[in-house]
PDB file of N, CA and C in Angstrom:
ATOM      1  N   MET A   1      -4.468  -4.694 -15.926  1.00  0.00           N
ATOM      2  CA  MET A   1      -3.713  -5.430 -14.913  1.00  0.00           C
ATOM      3  C   MET A   1      -2.435  -4.677 -14.574  1.00  0.00           C
ATOM      4  N   VAL A   2      -2.094  -4.668 -13.329  1.00  0.00           N
ATOM      5  CA  VAL A   2      -0.893  -3.999 -12.848  1.00  0.00           C
ATOM      6  C   VAL A   2       0.304  -4.908 -13.075  1.00  0.00           C
ATOM      7  N   ASP A   3       1.404  -4.327 -13.535  1.00  0.00           N
ATOM      8  CA  ASP A   3       2.636  -5.085 -13.731  1.00  0.00           C
ATOM      9  C   ASP A   3       3.622  -4.694 -12.635  1.00  0.00           C
ATOM     10  N   ASN A   4       3.866  -5.607 -11.718  1.00  0.00           N
ATOM     11  CA  ASN A   4       4.710  -5.360 -10.547  1.00  0.00           C
ATOM     12  C   ASN A   4       6.094  -4.852 -10.917  1.00  0.00           C
ATOM     13  N   GLN A   5       6.630  -5.291 -12.035  1.00  0.00           N
ATOM     14  CA  GLN A   5       7.988  -4.925 -12.406  1.00  0.00           C
ATOM     15  C   GLN A   5       8.084  -3.479 -12.889  1.00  0.00           C
ATOM     16  N   HIS A   6       6.965  -2.844 -13.186  1.00  0.00           N
ATOM     17  CA  HIS A   6       6.996  -1.491 -13.702  1.00  0.00           C
ATOM     18  C   HIS A   6       6.471  -0.455 -12.714  1.00  0.00           C
ATOM     19  N   ILE A   7       6.092  -0.863 -11.531  1.00  0.00           N
ATOM     20  CA  ILE A   7       5.634   0.080 -10.515  1.00  0.00           C
ATOM     21  C   ILE A   7       6.745   0.259  -9.491  1.00  0.00           C
ATOM     22  N   GLU A   8       7.099   1.502  -9.256  1.00  0.00           N
ATOM     23  CA  GLU A   8       8.077   1.790  -8.224  1.00  0.00           C
ATOM     24  C   GLU A   8       7.385   2.565  -7.113  1.00  0.00           C
ATOM     25  N   PHE A   9       7.528   2.071  -5.904  1.00  0.00           N
ATOM     26  CA  PHE A   9       6.954   2.723  -4.737  1.00  0.00           C
ATOM     27  C   PHE A   9       8.068   3.315  -3.892  1.00  0.00           C
ATOM     28  N   SER A  10       7.795   4.480  -3.321  1.00  0.00           N
ATOM     29  CA  SER A  10       8.755   5.081  -2.395  1.00  0.00           C
ATOM     30  C   SER A  10       8.779   4.243  -1.119  1.00  0.00           C
ATOM     31  N   ASP A  11       9.774   4.475  -0.292  1.00  0.00           N
ATOM     32  CA  ASP A  11       9.851   3.753   0.985  1.00  0.00           C
ATOM     33  C   ASP A  11       8.607   4.015   1.826  1.00  0.00           C
ATOM     34  N   MET A  12       8.146   5.259   1.832  1.00  0.00           N
ATOM     35  CA  MET A  12       6.948   5.602   2.604  1.00  0.00           C
ATOM     36  C   MET A  12       5.724   4.876   2.044  1.00  0.00           C
ATOM     37  N   GLU A  13       5.597   4.841   0.732  1.00  0.00           N
ATOM     38  CA  GLU A  13       4.472   4.133   0.118  1.00  0.00           C
ATOM     39  C   GLU A  13       4.497   2.653   0.481  1.00  0.00           C
ATOM     40  N   LYS A  14       5.671   2.072   0.524  1.00  0.00           N
ATOM     41  CA  LYS A  14       5.795   0.660   0.903  1.00  0.00           C
ATOM     42  C   LYS A  14       5.318   0.437   2.335  1.00  0.00           C
ATOM     43  N   LEU A  15       5.666   1.362   3.230  1.00  0.00           N
ATOM     44  CA  LEU A  15       5.212   1.245   4.620  1.00  0.00           C
ATOM     45  C   LEU A  15       3.693   1.364   4.701  1.00  0.00           C
ATOM     46  N   VAL A  16       3.141   2.291   3.935  1.00  0.00           N
ATOM     47  CA  VAL A  16       1.689   2.486   3.932  1.00  0.00           C
ATOM     48  C   VAL A  16       0.994   1.259   3.338  1.00  0.00           C
ATOM     49  N   ILE A  17       1.544   0.703   2.276  1.00  0.00           N
ATOM     50  CA  ILE A  17       0.951  -0.491   1.654  1.00  0.00           C
ATOM     51  C   ILE A  17       0.856  -1.631   2.655  1.00  0.00           C
ATOM     52  N   GLU A  18       1.886  -1.824   3.442  1.00  0.00           N
ATOM     53  CA  GLU A  18       1.863  -2.899   4.437  1.00  0.00           C
ATOM     54  C   GLU A  18       0.726  -2.691   5.440  1.00  0.00           C
ATOM     55  N   GLN A  19       0.478  -1.453   5.799  1.00  0.00           N
ATOM     56  CA  GLN A  19      -0.610  -1.175   6.748  1.00  0.00           C
ATOM     57  C   GLN A  19      -1.976  -1.263   6.074  1.00  0.00           C
ATOM     58  N   LEU A  20      -2.045  -0.876   4.810  1.00  0.00           N
ATOM     59  CA  LEU A  20      -3.298  -1.035   4.063  1.00  0.00           C
ATOM     60  C   LEU A  20      -3.675  -2.511   3.992  1.00  0.00           C
ATOM     61  N   LYS A  21      -2.671  -3.340   3.814  1.00  0.00           N
ATOM     62  CA  LYS A  21      -2.900  -4.791   3.757  1.00  0.00           C
ATOM     63  C   LYS A  21      -3.530  -5.285   5.053  1.00  0.00           C
ATOM     64  N   ASN A  22      -3.195  -4.640   6.156  1.00  0.00           N
ATOM     65  CA  ASN A  22      -3.742  -5.020   7.457  1.00  0.00           C
ATOM     66  C   ASN A  22      -5.112  -4.416   7.716  1.00  0.00           C
ATOM     67  N   GLY A  23      -5.596  -3.595   6.783  1.00  0.00           N
ATOM     68  CA  GLY A  23      -6.934  -3.044   6.893  1.00  0.00           C
ATOM     69  C   GLY A  23      -7.059  -1.786   7.731  1.00  0.00           C
ATOM     70  N   TYR A  24      -5.945  -1.116   8.015  1.00  0.00           N
ATOM     71  CA  TYR A  24      -5.985   0.064   8.862  1.00  0.00           C
ATOM     72  C   TYR A  24      -6.482   1.296   8.111  1.00  0.00           C
ATOM     73  N   SER A  25      -7.106   2.205   8.845  1.00  0.00           N
ATOM     74  CA  SER A  25      -7.563   3.486   8.298  1.00  0.00           C
ATOM     75  C   SER A  25      -6.368   4.440   8.189  1.00  0.00           C
ATOM     76  N   ASN A  26      -6.574   5.562   7.506  1.00  0.00           N
ATOM     77  CA  ASN A  26      -5.511   6.571   7.403  1.00  0.00           C
ATOM     78  C   ASN A  26      -5.078   7.044   8.789  1.00  0.00           C
ATOM     79  N   ARG A  27      -6.048   7.257   9.664  1.00  0.00           N
ATOM     80  CA  ARG A  27      -5.732   7.714  11.022  1.00  0.00           C
ATOM     81  C   ARG A  27      -4.891   6.674  11.763  1.00  0.00           C
ATOM     82  N   GLU A  28      -5.276   5.407  11.664  1.00  0.00           N
ATOM     83  CA  GLU A  28      -4.529   4.340  12.344  1.00  0.00           C
ATOM     84  C   GLU A  28      -3.122   4.205  11.772  1.00  0.00           C
ATOM     85  N   ILE A  29      -3.011   4.276  10.455  1.00  0.00           N
ATOM     86  CA  ILE A  29      -1.683   4.191   9.819  1.00  0.00           C
ATOM     87  C   ILE A  29      -0.833   5.371  10.266  1.00  0.00           C
ATOM     88  N   GLY A  30      -1.437   6.549  10.322  1.00  0.00           N
ATOM     89  CA  GLY A  30      -0.716   7.734  10.777  1.00  0.00           C
ATOM     90  C   GLY A  30      -0.163   7.568  12.176  1.00  0.00           C
ATOM     91  N   LYS A  31      -0.952   7.000  13.061  1.00  0.00           N
ATOM     92  CA  LYS A  31      -0.488   6.761  14.431  1.00  0.00           C
ATOM     93  C   LYS A  31       0.660   5.763  14.457  1.00  0.00           C
ATOM     94  N   ILE A  32       0.538   4.711  13.661  1.00  0.00           N
ATOM     95  CA  ILE A  32       1.578   3.678  13.622  1.00  0.00           C
ATOM     96  C   ILE A  32       2.891   4.242  13.090  1.00  0.00           C
ATOM     97  N   LEU A  33       2.797   5.036  12.011  1.00  0.00           N
ATOM     98  CA  LEU A  33       3.997   5.547  11.340  1.00  0.00           C
ATOM     99  C   LEU A  33       4.410   6.937  11.824  1.00  0.00           C
ATOM    100  N   ASN A  34       3.630   7.499  12.763  1.00  0.00           N
ATOM    101  CA  ASN A  34       3.911   8.816  13.332  1.00  0.00           C
ATOM    102  C   ASN A  34       3.829   9.928  12.282  1.00  0.00           C
ATOM    103  N   PHE A  35       2.770   9.892  11.472  1.00  0.00           N
ATOM    104  CA  PHE A  35       2.472  10.918  10.483  1.00  0.00           C
ATOM    105  C   PHE A  35       1.017  11.305  10.629  1.00  0.00           C
ATOM    106  N   SER A  36       0.647  12.441  10.068  1.00  0.00           N
ATOM    107  CA  SER A  36      -0.753  12.859  10.127  1.00  0.00           C
ATOM    108  C   SER A  36      -1.595  12.004   9.181  1.00  0.00           C
ATOM    109  N   ALA A  37      -2.872  11.944   9.464  1.00  0.00           N
ATOM    110  CA  ALA A  37      -3.795  11.218   8.592  1.00  0.00           C
ATOM    111  C   ALA A  37      -3.801  11.846   7.204  1.00  0.00           C
ATOM    112  N   TYR A  38      -3.583  13.159   7.122  1.00  0.00           N
ATOM    113  CA  TYR A  38      -3.553  13.844   5.831  1.00  0.00           C
ATOM    114  C   TYR A  38      -2.347  13.406   4.995  1.00  0.00           C
ATOM    115  N   ALA A  39      -1.205  13.230   5.643  1.00  0.00           N
ATOM    116  CA  ALA A  39      -0.021  12.751   4.929  1.00  0.00           C
ATOM    117  C   ALA A  39      -0.253  11.335   4.413  1.00  0.00           C
ATOM    118  N   ILE A  40      -0.879  10.511   5.227  1.00  0.00           N
ATOM    119  CA  ILE A  40      -1.165   9.138   4.820  1.00  0.00           C
ATOM    120  C   ILE A  40      -2.154   9.138   3.660  1.00  0.00           C
ATOM    121  N   LYS A  41      -3.152  10.004   3.726  1.00  0.00           N
ATOM    122  CA  LYS A  41      -4.139  10.108   2.640  1.00  0.00           C
ATOM    123  C   LYS A  41      -3.441  10.427   1.318  1.00  0.00           C
ATOM    124  N   TYR A  42      -2.463  11.308   1.354  1.00  0.00           N
ATOM    125  CA  TYR A  42      -1.687  11.669   0.169  1.00  0.00           C
ATOM    126  C   TYR A  42      -0.987  10.435  -0.407  1.00  0.00           C
ATOM    127  N   HIS A  43      -0.342   9.654   0.456  1.00  0.00           N
ATOM    128  CA  HIS A  43       0.388   8.469  -0.018  1.00  0.00           C
ATOM    129  C   HIS A  43      -0.578   7.389  -0.510  1.00  0.00           C
ATOM    130  N   VAL A  44      -1.699   7.242   0.151  1.00  0.00           N
ATOM    131  CA  VAL A  44      -2.707   6.268  -0.299  1.00  0.00           C
ATOM    132  C   VAL A  44      -3.197   6.657  -1.693  1.00  0.00           C
ATOM    133  N   ALA A  45      -3.426   7.937  -1.921  1.00  0.00           N
ATOM    134  CA  ALA A  45      -3.873   8.397  -3.243  1.00  0.00           C
ATOM    135  C   ALA A  45      -2.826   8.082  -4.314  1.00  0.00           C
ATOM    136  N   LYS A  46      -1.550   8.256  -3.972  1.00  0.00           N
ATOM    137  CA  LYS A  46      -0.484   7.927  -4.927  1.00  0.00           C
ATOM    138  C   LYS A  46      -0.455   6.429  -5.229  1.00  0.00           C
ATOM    139  N   ILE A  47      -0.656   5.616  -4.206  1.00  0.00           N
ATOM    140  CA  ILE A  47      -0.672   4.155  -4.376  1.00  0.00           C
ATOM    141  C   ILE A  47      -1.842   3.757  -5.263  1.00  0.00           C
ATOM    142  N   ILE A  48      -3.002   4.336  -5.011  1.00  0.00           N
ATOM    143  CA  ILE A  48      -4.187   4.037  -5.821  1.00  0.00           C
ATOM    144  C   ILE A  48      -3.927   4.417  -7.279  1.00  0.00           C
ATOM    145  N   ARG A  49      -3.361   5.582  -7.492  1.00  0.00           N
ATOM    146  CA  ARG A  49      -3.073   6.037  -8.854  1.00  0.00           C
ATOM    147  C   ARG A  49      -2.061   5.127  -9.549  1.00  0.00           C
ATOM    148  N   LYS A  50      -1.003   4.761  -8.845  1.00  0.00           N
ATOM    149  CA  LYS A  50       0.044   3.925  -9.447  1.00  0.00           C
ATOM    150  C   LYS A  50      -0.453   2.525  -9.800  1.00  0.00           C
ATOM    151  N   THR A  51      -1.381   2.013  -9.005  1.00  0.00           N
ATOM    152  CA  THR A  51      -1.895   0.660  -9.264  1.00  0.00           C
ATOM    153  C   THR A  51      -3.072   0.662 -10.228  1.00  0.00           C
ATOM    154  N   GLY A  52      -3.616   1.844 -10.509  1.00  0.00           N
ATOM    155  CA  GLY A  52      -4.783   1.926 -11.369  1.00  0.00           C
ATOM    156  C   GLY A  52      -6.051   1.442 -10.680  1.00  0.00           C
ATOM    157  N   ALA A  53      -6.029   1.485  -9.368  1.00  0.00           N
ATOM    158  CA  ALA A  53      -7.163   0.999  -8.575  1.00  0.00           C
ATOM    159  C   ALA A  53      -8.233   2.078  -8.457  1.00  0.00           C
ATOM    160  N   VAL A  54      -9.393   1.664  -7.989  1.00  0.00           N
ATOM    161  CA  VAL A  54     -10.488   2.614  -7.774  1.00  0.00           C
ATOM    162  C   VAL A  54     -10.587   3.053  -6.314  1.00  0.00           C
ATOM    163  N   ASN A  55      -9.980   2.277  -5.414  1.00  0.00           N
ATOM    164  CA  ASN A  55      -9.966   2.626  -3.997  1.00  0.00           C
ATOM    165  C   ASN A  55      -8.860   1.825  -3.308  1.00  0.00           C
ATOM    166  N   ARG A  56      -8.705   2.029  -2.013  1.00  0.00           N
ATOM    167  CA  ARG A  56      -7.612   1.387  -1.271  1.00  0.00           C
ATOM    168  C   ARG A  56      -7.753  -0.135  -1.220  1.00  0.00           C
ATOM    169  N   ILE A  57      -8.972  -0.621  -1.108  1.00  0.00           N
ATOM    170  CA  ILE A  57      -9.195  -2.069  -1.073  1.00  0.00           C
ATOM    171  C   ILE A  57      -8.830  -2.681  -2.419  1.00  0.00           C
ATOM    172  N   ASN A  58      -9.229  -2.009  -3.491  1.00  0.00           N
ATOM    173  CA  ASN A  58      -8.914  -2.492  -4.828  1.00  0.00           C
ATOM    174  C   ASN A  58      -7.404  -2.466  -5.067  1.00  0.00           C
ATOM    175  N   ALA A  59      -6.704  -1.479  -4.516  1.00  0.00           N
ATOM    176  CA  ALA A  59      -5.246  -1.406  -4.658  1.00  0.00           C
ATOM    177  C   ALA A  59      -4.583  -2.613  -3.995  1.00  0.00           C
ATOM    178  N   VAL A  60      -5.014  -2.935  -2.780  1.00  0.00           N
ATOM    179  CA  VAL A  60      -4.454  -4.105  -2.084  1.00  0.00           C
ATOM    180  C   VAL A  60      -4.776  -5.377  -2.860  1.00  0.00           C
ATOM    181  N   TYR A  61      -5.987  -5.482  -3.376  1.00  0.00           N
ATOM    182  CA  TYR A  61      -6.382  -6.646  -4.174  1.00  0.00           C
ATOM    183  C   TYR A  61      -5.479  -6.784  -5.400  1.00  0.00           C
ATOM    184  N   LYS A  62      -5.274  -5.692  -6.122  1.00  0.00           N
ATOM    185  CA  LYS A  62      -4.435  -5.738  -7.319  1.00  0.00           C
ATOM    186  C   LYS A  62      -3.001  -6.119  -6.974  1.00  0.00           C
ATOM    187  N   LEU A  63      -2.488  -5.564  -5.888  1.00  0.00           N
ATOM    188  CA  LEU A  63      -1.123  -5.897  -5.478  1.00  0.00           C
ATOM    189  C   LEU A  63      -1.013  -7.358  -5.053  1.00  0.00           C
ATOM    190  N   THR A  64      -2.055  -7.880  -4.432  1.00  0.00           N
ATOM    191  CA  THR A  64      -2.083  -9.297  -4.054  1.00  0.00           C
ATOM    192  C   THR A  64      -2.095 -10.178  -5.303  1.00  0.00           C
ATOM    193  N   GLN A  65      -2.901  -9.789  -6.279  1.00  0.00           N
ATOM    194  CA  GLN A  65      -3.035 -10.566  -7.516  1.00  0.00           C
ATOM    195  C   GLN A  65      -1.710 -10.689  -8.266  1.00  0.00           C
ATOM    196  N   ILE A  66      -0.882  -9.656  -8.211  1.00  0.00           N
ATOM    197  CA  ILE A  66       0.391  -9.706  -8.940  1.00  0.00           C
ATOM    198  C   ILE A  66       1.534 -10.249  -8.083  1.00  0.00           C
ATOM    199  N   GLY A  67       1.234 -10.635  -6.846  1.00  0.00           N
ATOM    200  CA  GLY A  67       2.250 -11.237  -5.991  1.00  0.00           C
ATOM    201  C   GLY A  67       3.130 -10.244  -5.252  1.00  0.00           C
ATOM    202  N   TYR A  68       2.675  -9.028  -5.093  1.00  0.00           N
ATOM    203  CA  TYR A  68       3.477  -8.009  -4.413  1.00  0.00           C
ATOM    204  C   TYR A  68       3.835  -8.424  -2.992  1.00  0.00           C
ATOM    205  N   PHE A  69       2.943  -9.091  -2.301  1.00  0.00           N
ATOM    206  CA  PHE A  69       3.146  -9.416  -0.886  1.00  0.00           C
ATOM    207  C   PHE A  69       3.883 -10.728  -0.662  1.00  0.00           C
ATOM    208  N   LYS A  70       4.181 -11.460  -1.699  1.00  0.00           N
ATOM    209  CA  LYS A  70       4.851 -12.761  -1.531  1.00  0.00           C
ATOM    210  C   LYS A  70       6.204 -12.618  -0.853  1.00  0.00           C
ATOM    211  N   ASP A  71       6.970 -11.591  -1.218  1.00  0.00           N
ATOM    212  CA  ASP A  71       8.281 -11.392  -0.600  1.00  0.00           C
ATOM    213  C   ASP A  71       8.167 -11.125   0.889  1.00  0.00           C
ATOM    214  N   SER A  72       7.207 -10.291   1.289  1.00  0.00           N
ATOM    215  CA  SER A  72       7.061  -9.972   2.720  1.00  0.00           C
ATOM    216  C   SER A  72       6.550 -11.175   3.493  1.00  0.00           C
ATOM    217  N   GLU A  73       5.720 -12.012   2.857  1.00  0.00           N
ATOM    218  CA  GLU A  73       5.235 -13.216   3.527  1.00  0.00           C
ATOM    219  C   GLU A  73       6.359 -14.229   3.707  1.00  0.00           C
ATOM    220  N   GLN A  74       7.249 -14.342   2.735  1.00  0.00           N
ATOM    221  CA  GLN A  74       8.351 -15.291   2.843  1.00  0.00           C
ATOM    222  C   GLN A  74       9.355 -14.838   3.903  1.00  0.00           C
ATOM    223  N   GLU A  75       9.536 -13.525   4.077  1.00  0.00           N
ATOM    224  CA  GLU A  75      10.439 -13.017   5.094  1.00  0.00           C
ATOM    225  C   GLU A  75       9.973 -13.389   6.489  1.00  0.00           C
ATOM    226  N   MET A  76       8.643 -13.524   6.669  1.00  0.00           N
ATOM    227  CA  MET A  76       8.082 -13.835   7.969  1.00  0.00           C
ATOM    228  C   MET A  76       8.280 -15.311   8.337  1.00  0.00           C
ATOM    229  N   MET A  77       8.529 -16.130   7.365  1.00  0.00           N
ATOM    230  CA  MET A  77       8.690 -17.573   7.630  1.00  0.00           C
ATOM    231  C   MET A  77      10.072 -17.914   8.106  1.00  0.00           C
TER     232      MET A  77
END
């Protein structure tokens, strides 16, 4: 299980995580954030490694399970 208090994400990783949550591909995230798909792939790989996930969907699932997105959801209210 991932422990939210012990994972630190860079600002770029945080931006990518928000787009992963929306289900976007590396290419789509790259267009949104004005980076190449290759740069996004690098950050996605770091996120997967930090969360101990097996893929991008599993990373979002793990982050959801530990409440990572609760703060961003409350900001929207």
